[in-house]
All heavy atoms as atom14 arrays in JSON, in Angstrom:
{
  "sequence": "DSAERIILCNQAVADHLRFDVKRDLGQHLRNLLRDPAFIAYLNGS",
  "atom14_mask": [
    [1, 1, 1, 1, 1, 1, 1, 1, 0, 0, 0, 0, 0, 0],
    [1, 1, 1, 1, 1, 1, 0, 0, 0, 0, 0, 0, 0, 0],
    [1, 1, 1, 1, 1, 0, 0, 0, 0, 0, 0, 0, 0, 0],
    [1, 1, 1, 1, 1, 1, 1, 1, 1, 0, 0, 0, 0, 0],
    [1, 1, 1, 1, 1, 1, 1, 1, 1, 1, 1, 0, 0, 0],
    [1, 1, 1, 1, 1, 1, 1, 1, 0, 0, 0, 0, 0, 0],
    [1, 1, 1, 1, 1, 1, 1, 1, 0, 0, 0, 0, 0, 0],
    [1, 1, 1, 1, 1, 1, 1, 1, 0, 0, 0, 0, 0, 0],
    [1, 1, 1, 1, 1, 1, 0, 0, 0, 0, 0, 0, 0, 0],
    [1, 1, 1, 1, 1, 1, 1, 1, 0, 0, 0, 0, 0, 0],
    [1, 1, 1, 1, 1, 1, 1, 1, 1, 0, 0, 0, 0, 0],
    [1, 1, 1, 1, 1, 0, 0, 0, 0, 0, 0, 0, 0, 0],
    [1, 1, 1, 1, 1, 1, 1, 0, 0, 0, 0, 0, 0, 0],
    [1, 1, 1, 1, 1, 0, 0, 0, 0, 0, 0, 0, 0, 0],
    [1, 1, 1, 1, 1, 1, 1, 1, 0, 0, 0, 0, 0, 0],
    [1, 1, 1, 1, 1, 1, 1, 1, 1, 1, 0, 0, 0, 0],
    [1, 1, 1, 1, 1, 1, 1, 1, 0, 0, 0, 0, 0, 0],
    [1, 1, 1, 1, 1, 1, 1, 1, 1, 1, 1, 0, 0, 0],
    [1, 1, 1, 1, 1, 1, 1, 1, 1, 1, 1, 0, 0, 0],
    [1, 1, 1, 1, 1, 1, 1, 1, 0, 0, 0, 0, 0, 0],
    [1, 1, 1, 1, 1, 1, 1, 0, 0, 0, 0, 0, 0, 0],
    [1, 1, 1, 1, 1, 1, 1, 1, 1, 0, 0, 0, 0, 0],
    [1, 1, 1, 1, 1, 1, 1, 1, 1, 1, 1, 0, 0, 0],
    [1, 1, 1, 1, 1, 1, 1, 1, 0, 0, 0, 0, 0, 0],
    [1, 1, 1, 1, 1, 1, 1, 1, 0, 0, 0, 0, 0, 0],
    [1, 1, 1, 1, 0, 0, 0, 0, 0, 0, 0, 0, 0, 0],
    [1, 1, 1, 1, 1, 1, 1, 1, 1, 0, 0, 0, 0, 0],
    [1, 1, 1, 1, 1, 1, 1, 1, 1, 1, 0, 0, 0, 0],
    [1, 1, 1, 1, 1, 1, 1, 1, 0, 0, 0, 0, 0, 0],
    [1, 1, 1, 1, 1, 1, 1, 1, 1, 1, 1, 0, 0, 0],
    [1, 1, 1, 1, 1, 1, 1, 1, 0, 0, 0, 0, 0, 0],
    [1, 1, 1, 1, 1, 1, 1, 1, 0, 0, 0, 0, 0, 0],
    [1, 1, 1, 1, 1, 1, 1, 1, 0, 0, 0, 0, 0, 0],
    [1, 1, 1, 1, 1, 1, 1, 1, 1, 1, 1, 0, 0, 0],
    [1, 1, 1, 1, 1, 1, 1, 1, 0, 0, 0, 0, 0, 0],
    [1, 1, 1, 1, 1, 1, 1, 0, 0, 0, 0, 0, 0, 0],
    [1, 1, 1, 1, 1, 0, 0, 0, 0, 0, 0, 0, 0, 0],
    [1, 1, 1, 1, 1, 1, 1, 1, 1, 1, 1, 0, 0, 0],
    [1, 1, 1, 1, 1, 1, 1, 1, 0, 0, 0, 0, 0, 0],
    [1, 1, 1, 1, 1, 0, 0, 0, 0, 0, 0, 0, 0, 0],
    [1, 1, 1, 1, 1, 1, 1, 1, 1, 1, 1, 1, 0, 0],
    [1, 1, 1, 1, 1, 1, 1, 1, 0, 0, 0, 0, 0, 0],
    [1, 1, 1, 1, 1, 1, 1, 1, 0, 0, 0, 0, 0, 0],
    [1, 1, 1, 1, 0, 0, 0, 0, 0, 0, 0, 0, 0, 0],
    [1, 1, 1, 1, 1, 1, 0, 0, 0, 0, 0, 0, 0, 0]
  ],
  "atom14_positions": [
    [[20.85, -59.69, -10.1], [20.81, -58.98, -8.76], [20.0, -57.75, -8.84], [19.3, -57.54, -9.78], [22.33, -58.76, -8.42], [22.99, -57.68, -9.33], [22.27, -57.05, -10.2], [24.23, -57.55, -9.34], [0.0, 0.0, 0.0], [0.0, 0.0, 0.0], [0.0, 0.0, 0.0], [0.0, 0.0, 0.0], [0.0, 0.0, 0.0], [0.0, 0.0, 0.0]],
    [[20.01, -57.1, -7.67], [19.09, -55.87, -7.64], [19.47, -54.85, -8.6], [18.61, -53.97, -8.98], [19.28, -55.28, -6.16], [20.6, -54.92, -5.89], [0.0, 0.0, 0.0], [0.0, 0.0, 0.0], [0.0, 0.0, 0.0], [0.0, 0.0, 0.0], [0.0, 0.0, 0.0], [0.0, 0.0, 0.0], [0.0, 0.0, 0.0], [0.0, 0.0, 0.0]],
    [[20.72, -54.78, -9.17], [20.92, -53.88, -10.24], [20.87, -54.47, -11.64], [21.36, -53.82, -12.6], [22.48, -53.51, -10.0], [0.0, 0.0, 0.0], [0.0, 0.0, 0.0], [0.0, 0.0, 0.0], [0.0, 0.0, 0.0], [0.0, 0.0, 0.0], [0.0, 0.0, 0.0], [0.0, 0.0, 0.0], [0.0, 0.0, 0.0], [0.0, 0.0, 0.0]],
    [[20.21, -55.48, -11.69], [19.81, -56.2, -12.99], [21.18, -56.76, -13.74], [21.2, -56.78, -14.91], [19.05, -55.28, -13.89], [17.7, -54.94, -13.34], [16.94, -54.13, -14.26], [17.5, -53.48, -15.25], [15.78, -53.77, -13.93], [0.0, 0.0, 0.0], [0.0, 0.0, 0.0], [0.0, 0.0, 0.0], [0.0, 0.0, 0.0], [0.0, 0.0, 0.0]],
    [[22.21, -57.07, -12.84], [23.35, -57.71, -13.45], [23.27, -59.24, -13.39], [22.57, -59.75, -12.47], [24.63, -57.3, -12.7], [25.07, -55.88, -12.9], [26.41, -55.56, -12.17], [26.25, -55.72, -10.71], [26.14, -54.65, -9.94], [26.15, -53.43, -10.41], [26.04, -54.87, -8.57], [0.0, 0.0, 0.0], [0.0, 0.0, 0.0], [0.0, 0.0, 0.0]],
    [[23.87, -59.96, -14.3], [23.65, -61.39, -14.47], [24.68, -62.06, -13.49], [25.87, -61.71, -13.54], [23.96, -61.8, -15.92], [23.0, -61.27, -16.87], [23.94, -63.35, -15.99], [23.35, -61.51, -18.4], [0.0, 0.0, 0.0], [0.0, 0.0, 0.0], [0.0, 0.0, 0.0], [0.0, 0.0, 0.0], [0.0, 0.0, 0.0], [0.0, 0.0, 0.0]],
    [[24.09, -62.7, -12.54], [24.96, -63.37, -11.59], [25.02, -64.95, -11.77], [25.91, -65.58, -11.25], [24.59, -63.07, -10.16], [23.15, -63.54, -9.87], [24.74, -61.64, -9.79], [22.74, -63.26, -8.44], [0.0, 0.0, 0.0], [0.0, 0.0, 0.0], [0.0, 0.0, 0.0], [0.0, 0.0, 0.0], [0.0, 0.0, 0.0], [0.0, 0.0, 0.0]],
    [[24.1, -65.4, -12.53], [24.13, -66.9, -12.86], [23.25, -67.18, -14.07], [22.11, -66.59, -14.16], [23.64, -67.66, -11.65], [23.73, -69.17, -11.81], [25.17, -69.62, -11.89], [23.04, -69.87, -10.52], [0.0, 0.0, 0.0], [0.0, 0.0, 0.0], [0.0, 0.0, 0.0], [0.0, 0.0, 0.0], [0.0, 0.0, 0.0], [0.0, 0.0, 0.0]],
    [[23.61, -67.92, -14.95], [22.69, -68.4, -16.03], [23.19, -69.75, -16.54], [24.35, -70.15, -16.44], [22.67, -67.35, -17.26], [24.13, -67.24, -18.17], [0.0, 0.0, 0.0], [0.0, 0.0, 0.0], [0.0, 0.0, 0.0], [0.0, 0.0, 0.0], [0.0, 0.0, 0.0], [0.0, 0.0, 0.0], [0.0, 0.0, 0.0], [0.0, 0.0, 0.0]],
    [[22.2, -70.5, -17.13], [22.53, -71.86, -17.69], [22.77, -71.76, -19.19], [22.47, -70.72, -19.79], [21.46, -72.89, -17.33], [20.14, -72.53, -17.9], [19.93, -71.55, -18.59], [19.22, -73.51, -17.81], [0.0, 0.0, 0.0], [0.0, 0.0, 0.0], [0.0, 0.0, 0.0], [0.0, 0.0, 0.0], [0.0, 0.0, 0.0], [0.0, 0.0, 0.0]],
    [[23.17, -72.79, -19.79], [23.46, -72.77, -21.25], [22.23, -72.59, -22.03], [22.25, -72.04, -23.15], [24.1, -74.24, -21.52], [24.68, -74.19, -23.01], [25.66, -73.12, -23.23], [26.55, -73.0, -22.47], [25.56, -72.41, -24.4], [0.0, 0.0, 0.0], [0.0, 0.0, 0.0], [0.0, 0.0, 0.0], [0.0, 0.0, 0.0], [0.0, 0.0, 0.0]],
    [[21.03, -73.03, -21.59], [19.81, -72.95, -22.29], [19.48, -71.53, -22.56], [19.15, -71.07, -23.63], [18.69, -73.59, -21.56], [0.0, 0.0, 0.0], [0.0, 0.0, 0.0], [0.0, 0.0, 0.0], [0.0, 0.0, 0.0], [0.0, 0.0, 0.0], [0.0, 0.0, 0.0], [0.0, 0.0, 0.0], [0.0, 0.0, 0.0], [0.0, 0.0, 0.0]],
    [[19.56, -70.65, -21.46], [19.31, -69.21, -21.8], [20.38, -68.51, -22.69], [20.04, -67.64, -23.39], [19.18, -68.46, -20.33], [20.55, -68.15, -19.78], [18.45, -67.22, -20.47], [0.0, 0.0, 0.0], [0.0, 0.0, 0.0], [0.0, 0.0, 0.0], [0.0, 0.0, 0.0], [0.0, 0.0, 0.0], [0.0, 0.0, 0.0], [0.0, 0.0, 0.0]],
    [[21.6, -69.09, -22.54], [22.59, -68.61, -23.42], [22.29, -68.87, -24.89], [22.56, -68.13, -25.77], [24.06, -69.09, -22.99], [0.0, 0.0, 0.0], [0.0, 0.0, 0.0], [0.0, 0.0, 0.0], [0.0, 0.0, 0.0], [0.0, 0.0, 0.0], [0.0, 0.0, 0.0], [0.0, 0.0, 0.0], [0.0, 0.0, 0.0], [0.0, 0.0, 0.0]],
    [[21.84, -70.1, -25.13], [21.31, -70.5, -26.48], [20.16, -69.63, -26.95], [20.08, -69.19, -28.12], [21.09, -71.94, -26.56], [22.34, -72.83, -26.31], [23.41, -72.27, -26.55], [22.17, -73.99, -25.86], [0.0, 0.0, 0.0], [0.0, 0.0, 0.0], [0.0, 0.0, 0.0], [0.0, 0.0, 0.0], [0.0, 0.0, 0.0], [0.0, 0.0, 0.0]],
    [[19.29, -69.47, -26.07], [18.01, -68.74, -26.46], [18.31, -67.25, -26.79], [17.75, -66.72, -27.76], [16.88, -68.81, -25.28], [16.48, -70.12, -25.05], [15.76, -70.46, -23.92], [16.44, -71.28, -25.78], [15.39, -71.77, -23.95], [15.79, -72.28, -25.04], [0.0, 0.0, 0.0], [0.0, 0.0, 0.0], [0.0, 0.0, 0.0], [0.0, 0.0, 0.0]],
    [[19.16, -66.65, -25.9], [19.24, -65.19, -26.06], [20.74, -64.74, -26.63], [21.13, -63.58, -26.64], [19.19, -64.49, -24.71], [17.88, -64.73, -24.03], [17.84, -64.08, -22.67], [16.66, -64.3, -24.82], [0.0, 0.0, 0.0], [0.0, 0.0, 0.0], [0.0, 0.0, 0.0], [0.0, 0.0, 0.0], [0.0, 0.0, 0.0], [0.0, 0.0, 0.0]],
    [[21.44, -65.87, -27.15], [22.73, -65.63, -27.76], [23.74, -64.93, -26.78], [24.5, -64.03, -27.14], [22.66, -64.76, -29.0], [21.44, -65.18, -29.85], [21.66, -66.23, -30.75], [20.4, -66.76, -31.36], [19.78, -66.15, -32.3], [20.22, -65.04, -32.87], [18.66, -66.7, -32.82], [0.0, 0.0, 0.0], [0.0, 0.0, 0.0], [0.0, 0.0, 0.0]],
    [[23.74, -65.48, -25.5], [24.68, -64.96, -24.51], [25.94, -65.92, -24.4], [25.91, -66.97, -24.96], [24.04, -64.97, -23.15], [23.17, -63.91, -22.9], [22.32, -63.84, -21.8], [22.78, -62.91, -23.93], [21.43, -62.83, -21.57], [21.82, -61.93, -23.74], [21.11, -61.93, -22.53], [0.0, 0.0, 0.0], [0.0, 0.0, 0.0], [0.0, 0.0, 0.0]],
    [[26.98, -65.42, -23.89], [28.03, -66.21, -23.49], [28.1, -66.4, -22.01], [28.2, -65.56, -21.22], [29.46, -65.55, -23.95], [30.67, -66.42, -23.71], [30.9, -66.83, -22.59], [31.28, -66.75, -24.73], [0.0, 0.0, 0.0], [0.0, 0.0, 0.0], [0.0, 0.0, 0.0], [0.0, 0.0, 0.0], [0.0, 0.0, 0.0], [0.0, 0.0, 0.0]],
    [[28.04, -67.71, -21.55], [27.84, -67.99, -20.13], [28.84, -67.45, -19.26], [28.7, -66.87, -18.18], [27.77, -69.61, -19.91], [27.65, -69.89, -18.47], [26.42, -70.16, -20.63], [0.0, 0.0, 0.0], [0.0, 0.0, 0.0], [0.0, 0.0, 0.0], [0.0, 0.0, 0.0], [0.0, 0.0, 0.0], [0.0, 0.0, 0.0], [0.0, 0.0, 0.0]],
    [[30.11, -67.47, -19.73], [31.25, -66.95, -18.87], [31.48, -65.47, -19.11], [31.6, -64.69, -18.11], [32.56, -67.77, -19.21], [32.35, -69.26, -18.75], [33.7, -69.94, -19.12], [33.59, -71.52, -18.66], [34.83, -72.17, -19.02], [0.0, 0.0, 0.0], [0.0, 0.0, 0.0], [0.0, 0.0, 0.0], [0.0, 0.0, 0.0], [0.0, 0.0, 0.0]],
    [[31.52, -65.15, -20.37], [31.88, -63.72, -20.6], [30.99, -62.71, -20.17], [31.2, -61.6, -19.72], [32.11, -63.57, -22.12], [32.52, -62.22, -22.66], [32.37, -62.1, -24.07], [30.97, -62.08, -24.5], [30.54, -62.43, -25.71], [31.4, -62.65, -26.67], [29.28, -62.46, -25.95], [0.0, 0.0, 0.0], [0.0, 0.0, 0.0], [0.0, 0.0, 0.0]],
    [[29.58, -63.11, -20.19], [28.56, -62.08, -19.95], [28.13, -62.03, -18.4], [27.23, -61.29, -18.13], [27.35, -62.33, -20.76], [27.61, -62.14, -22.27], [28.5, -61.21, -22.49], [27.08, -62.73, -23.1], [0.0, 0.0, 0.0], [0.0, 0.0, 0.0], [0.0, 0.0, 0.0], [0.0, 0.0, 0.0], [0.0, 0.0, 0.0], [0.0, 0.0, 0.0]],
    [[28.79, -62.88, -17.65], [28.41, -62.86, -16.18], [28.87, -61.41, -15.57], [29.92, -60.96, -15.94], [29.18, -63.89, -15.43], [28.68, -65.37, -15.62], [29.46, -66.35, -14.65], [27.24, -65.39, -15.21], [0.0, 0.0, 0.0], [0.0, 0.0, 0.0], [0.0, 0.0, 0.0], [0.0, 0.0, 0.0], [0.0, 0.0, 0.0], [0.0, 0.0, 0.0]],
    [[28.04, -60.85, -14.8], [28.23, -59.53, -14.3], [27.8, -58.39, -15.15], [27.81, -57.18, -14.76], [0.0, 0.0, 0.0], [0.0, 0.0, 0.0], [0.0, 0.0, 0.0], [0.0, 0.0, 0.0], [0.0, 0.0, 0.0], [0.0, 0.0, 0.0], [0.0, 0.0, 0.0], [0.0, 0.0, 0.0], [0.0, 0.0, 0.0], [0.0, 0.0, 0.0]],
    [[27.34, -58.74, -16.36], [26.9, -57.69, -17.34], [25.48, -57.23, -17.07], [24.69, -58.07, -16.47], [27.0, -58.19, -18.73], [28.42, -58.45, -19.29], [29.27, -57.22, -19.33], [28.83, -56.14, -19.71], [30.55, -57.35, -18.87], [0.0, 0.0, 0.0], [0.0, 0.0, 0.0], [0.0, 0.0, 0.0], [0.0, 0.0, 0.0], [0.0, 0.0, 0.0]],
    [[25.11, -56.04, -17.33], [23.74, -55.56, -17.25], [22.9, -56.16, -18.3], [23.31, -56.17, -19.42], [23.68, -54.06, -17.29], [24.23, -53.32, -16.01], [23.46, -53.21, -14.89], [25.41, -52.95, -15.74], [24.17, -52.6, -14.02], [25.34, -52.43, -14.46], [0.0, 0.0, 0.0], [0.0, 0.0, 0.0], [0.0, 0.0, 0.0], [0.0, 0.0, 0.0]],
    [[21.76, -56.76, -17.84], [20.92, -57.46, -18.88], [20.46, -56.5, -19.98], [20.29, -56.86, -21.15], [19.71, -58.03, -18.17], [18.79, -58.84, -19.11], [19.46, -59.98, -19.72], [17.56, -59.36, -18.25], [0.0, 0.0, 0.0], [0.0, 0.0, 0.0], [0.0, 0.0, 0.0], [0.0, 0.0, 0.0], [0.0, 0.0, 0.0], [0.0, 0.0, 0.0]],
    [[20.21, -55.27, -19.57], [19.75, -54.37, -20.6], [20.7, -54.04, -21.68], [20.32, -53.78, -22.81], [19.4, -52.94, -19.92], [18.25, -53.02, -18.91], [18.12, -51.73, -18.12], [17.02, -51.83, -17.19], [15.8, -51.46, -17.46], [15.4, -50.95, -18.61], [14.91, -51.47, -16.44], [0.0, 0.0, 0.0], [0.0, 0.0, 0.0], [0.0, 0.0, 0.0]],
    [[21.94, -54.2, -21.4], [22.97, -53.97, -22.42], [23.14, -55.13, -23.43], [23.58, -54.92, -24.52], [24.36, -53.73, -21.76], [24.43, -52.45, -20.9], [23.58, -51.56, -21.08], [25.3, -52.39, -19.94], [0.0, 0.0, 0.0], [0.0, 0.0, 0.0], [0.0, 0.0, 0.0], [0.0, 0.0, 0.0], [0.0, 0.0, 0.0], [0.0, 0.0, 0.0]],
    [[22.62, -56.28, -22.96], [22.73, -57.54, -23.77], [21.44, -57.81, -24.62], [21.46, -58.35, -25.69], [23.1, -58.7, -22.89], [24.46, -58.59, -22.19], [24.61, -59.77, -21.28], [25.62, -58.53, -23.13], [0.0, 0.0, 0.0], [0.0, 0.0, 0.0], [0.0, 0.0, 0.0], [0.0, 0.0, 0.0], [0.0, 0.0, 0.0], [0.0, 0.0, 0.0]],
    [[20.34, -57.49, -24.02], [19.01, -57.81, -24.57], [18.24, -56.5, -24.75], [17.74, -55.92, -23.81], [18.23, -58.82, -23.84], [17.01, -59.33, -24.43], [17.21, -59.99, -25.76], [16.27, -60.21, -23.49], [0.0, 0.0, 0.0], [0.0, 0.0, 0.0], [0.0, 0.0, 0.0], [0.0, 0.0, 0.0], [0.0, 0.0, 0.0], [0.0, 0.0, 0.0]],
    [[18.26, -55.92, -25.97], [17.67, -54.61, -26.19], [16.42, -54.59, -26.97], [15.94, -53.52, -27.58], [18.72, -53.74, -26.9], [20.04, -53.57, -26.17], [21.03, -52.72, -26.86], [22.26, -52.64, -26.21], [23.26, -51.87, -26.55], [23.3, -51.2, -27.72], [24.42, -51.85, -25.84], [0.0, 0.0, 0.0], [0.0, 0.0, 0.0], [0.0, 0.0, 0.0]],
    [[15.72, -55.76, -27.04], [14.46, -55.79, -27.74], [13.46, -54.8, -27.01], [13.3, -54.91, -25.81], [13.89, -57.25, -27.68], [12.62, -57.37, -28.36], [11.54, -57.08, -27.81], [12.72, -57.84, -29.56], [0.0, 0.0, 0.0], [0.0, 0.0, 0.0], [0.0, 0.0, 0.0], [0.0, 0.0, 0.0], [0.0, 0.0, 0.0], [0.0, 0.0, 0.0]],
    [[12.85, -53.95, -27.82], [11.82, -52.95, -27.15], [10.82, -53.63, -26.29], [10.44, -53.0, -25.28], [11.35, -52.28, -28.42], [12.38, -52.4, -29.48], [12.86, -53.81, -29.24], [0.0, 0.0, 0.0], [0.0, 0.0, 0.0], [0.0, 0.0, 0.0], [0.0, 0.0, 0.0], [0.0, 0.0, 0.0], [0.0, 0.0, 0.0], [0.0, 0.0, 0.0]],
    [[10.21, -54.66, -26.84], [9.16, -55.39, -26.14], [9.65, -55.79, -24.7], [8.97, -55.69, -23.63], [8.52, -56.45, -26.83], [0.0, 0.0, 0.0], [0.0, 0.0, 0.0], [0.0, 0.0, 0.0], [0.0, 0.0, 0.0], [0.0, 0.0, 0.0], [0.0, 0.0, 0.0], [0.0, 0.0, 0.0], [0.0, 0.0, 0.0], [0.0, 0.0, 0.0]],
    [[10.88, -56.43, -24.66], [11.41, -56.87, -23.44], [11.8, -55.68, -22.49], [11.55, -55.76, -21.29], [12.61, -57.7, -23.68], [13.25, -58.23, -22.36], [12.65, -59.17, -21.55], [14.44, -57.66, -21.97], [13.24, -59.53, -20.35], [15.04, -58.04, -20.81], [14.42, -59.0, -19.95], [0.0, 0.0, 0.0], [0.0, 0.0, 0.0], [0.0, 0.0, 0.0]],
    [[12.35, -54.6, -23.0], [12.75, -53.47, -22.21], [11.48, -52.86, -21.59], [11.49, -52.51, -20.41], [13.42, -52.51, -23.02], [14.76, -53.0, -23.54], [13.73, -51.16, -22.25], [15.69, -53.44, -22.4], [0.0, 0.0, 0.0], [0.0, 0.0, 0.0], [0.0, 0.0, 0.0], [0.0, 0.0, 0.0], [0.0, 0.0, 0.0], [0.0, 0.0, 0.0]],
    [[10.37, -52.78, -22.34], [9.17, -52.24, -21.7], [8.61, -53.15, -20.68], [8.03, -52.73, -19.64], [8.08, -52.05, -22.86], [0.0, 0.0, 0.0], [0.0, 0.0, 0.0], [0.0, 0.0, 0.0], [0.0, 0.0, 0.0], [0.0, 0.0, 0.0], [0.0, 0.0, 0.0], [0.0, 0.0, 0.0], [0.0, 0.0, 0.0], [0.0, 0.0, 0.0]],
    [[8.74, -54.5, -20.82], [8.31, -55.44, -19.87], [9.1, -55.34, -18.64], [8.64, -55.36, -17.51], [8.42, -56.81, -20.5], [8.08, -57.96, -19.52], [6.82, -58.31, -19.31], [9.17, -58.83, -19.12], [6.57, -59.35, -18.43], [8.87, -59.86, -18.21], [7.54, -60.08, -17.95], [7.27, -61.19, -17.16], [0.0, 0.0, 0.0], [0.0, 0.0, 0.0]],
    [[10.4, -55.23, -18.85], [11.46, -55.05, -17.69], [11.14, -53.83, -16.83], [11.26, -53.8, -15.63], [12.86, -55.09, -18.16], [14.0, -55.22, -17.19], [13.92, -56.4, -16.32], [15.26, -55.1, -17.82], [0.0, 0.0, 0.0], [0.0, 0.0, 0.0], [0.0, 0.0, 0.0], [0.0, 0.0, 0.0], [0.0, 0.0, 0.0], [0.0, 0.0, 0.0]],
    [[10.81, -52.68, -17.56], [10.56, -51.45, -16.92], [9.24, -51.39, -16.16], [9.0, -50.59, -15.16], [10.51, -50.27, -17.85], [11.92, -49.97, -18.43], [12.92, -50.27, -17.78], [11.94, -49.38, -19.67], [0.0, 0.0, 0.0], [0.0, 0.0, 0.0], [0.0, 0.0, 0.0], [0.0, 0.0, 0.0], [0.0, 0.0, 0.0], [0.0, 0.0, 0.0]],
    [[8.24, -52.33, -16.52], [7.01, -52.39, -15.9], [7.12, -53.1, -14.5], [8.13, -53.48, -14.05], [0.0, 0.0, 0.0], [0.0, 0.0, 0.0], [0.0, 0.0, 0.0], [0.0, 0.0, 0.0], [0.0, 0.0, 0.0], [0.0, 0.0, 0.0], [0.0, 0.0, 0.0], [0.0, 0.0, 0.0], [0.0, 0.0, 0.0], [0.0, 0.0, 0.0]],
    [[5.96, -53.3, -13.94], [5.91, -53.94, -12.69], [5.04, -55.24, -12.64], [4.99, -55.91, -11.65], [5.36, -52.99, -11.61], [4.12, -52.51, -11.93], [0.0, 0.0, 0.0], [0.0, 0.0, 0.0], [0.0, 0.0, 0.0], [0.0, 0.0, 0.0], [0.0, 0.0, 0.0], [0.0, 0.0, 0.0], [0.0, 0.0, 0.0], [0.0, 0.0, 0.0]]
  ]
}
C-alpha cells in the first residue's frame, strides 16, 4: 500500500524472501527486508 505495508503476497515471494504469507501481512516491507541494496533501490525513484 502507500505506506509500504504488505497487503497481499503469494507463496513464491515468501519462499524467495523468507516471509510468512499469513504472519507478515500488514508488516512494513522495510522491517522484513533490510538488504542495503534493496533499501537504496526502494528509496530511489
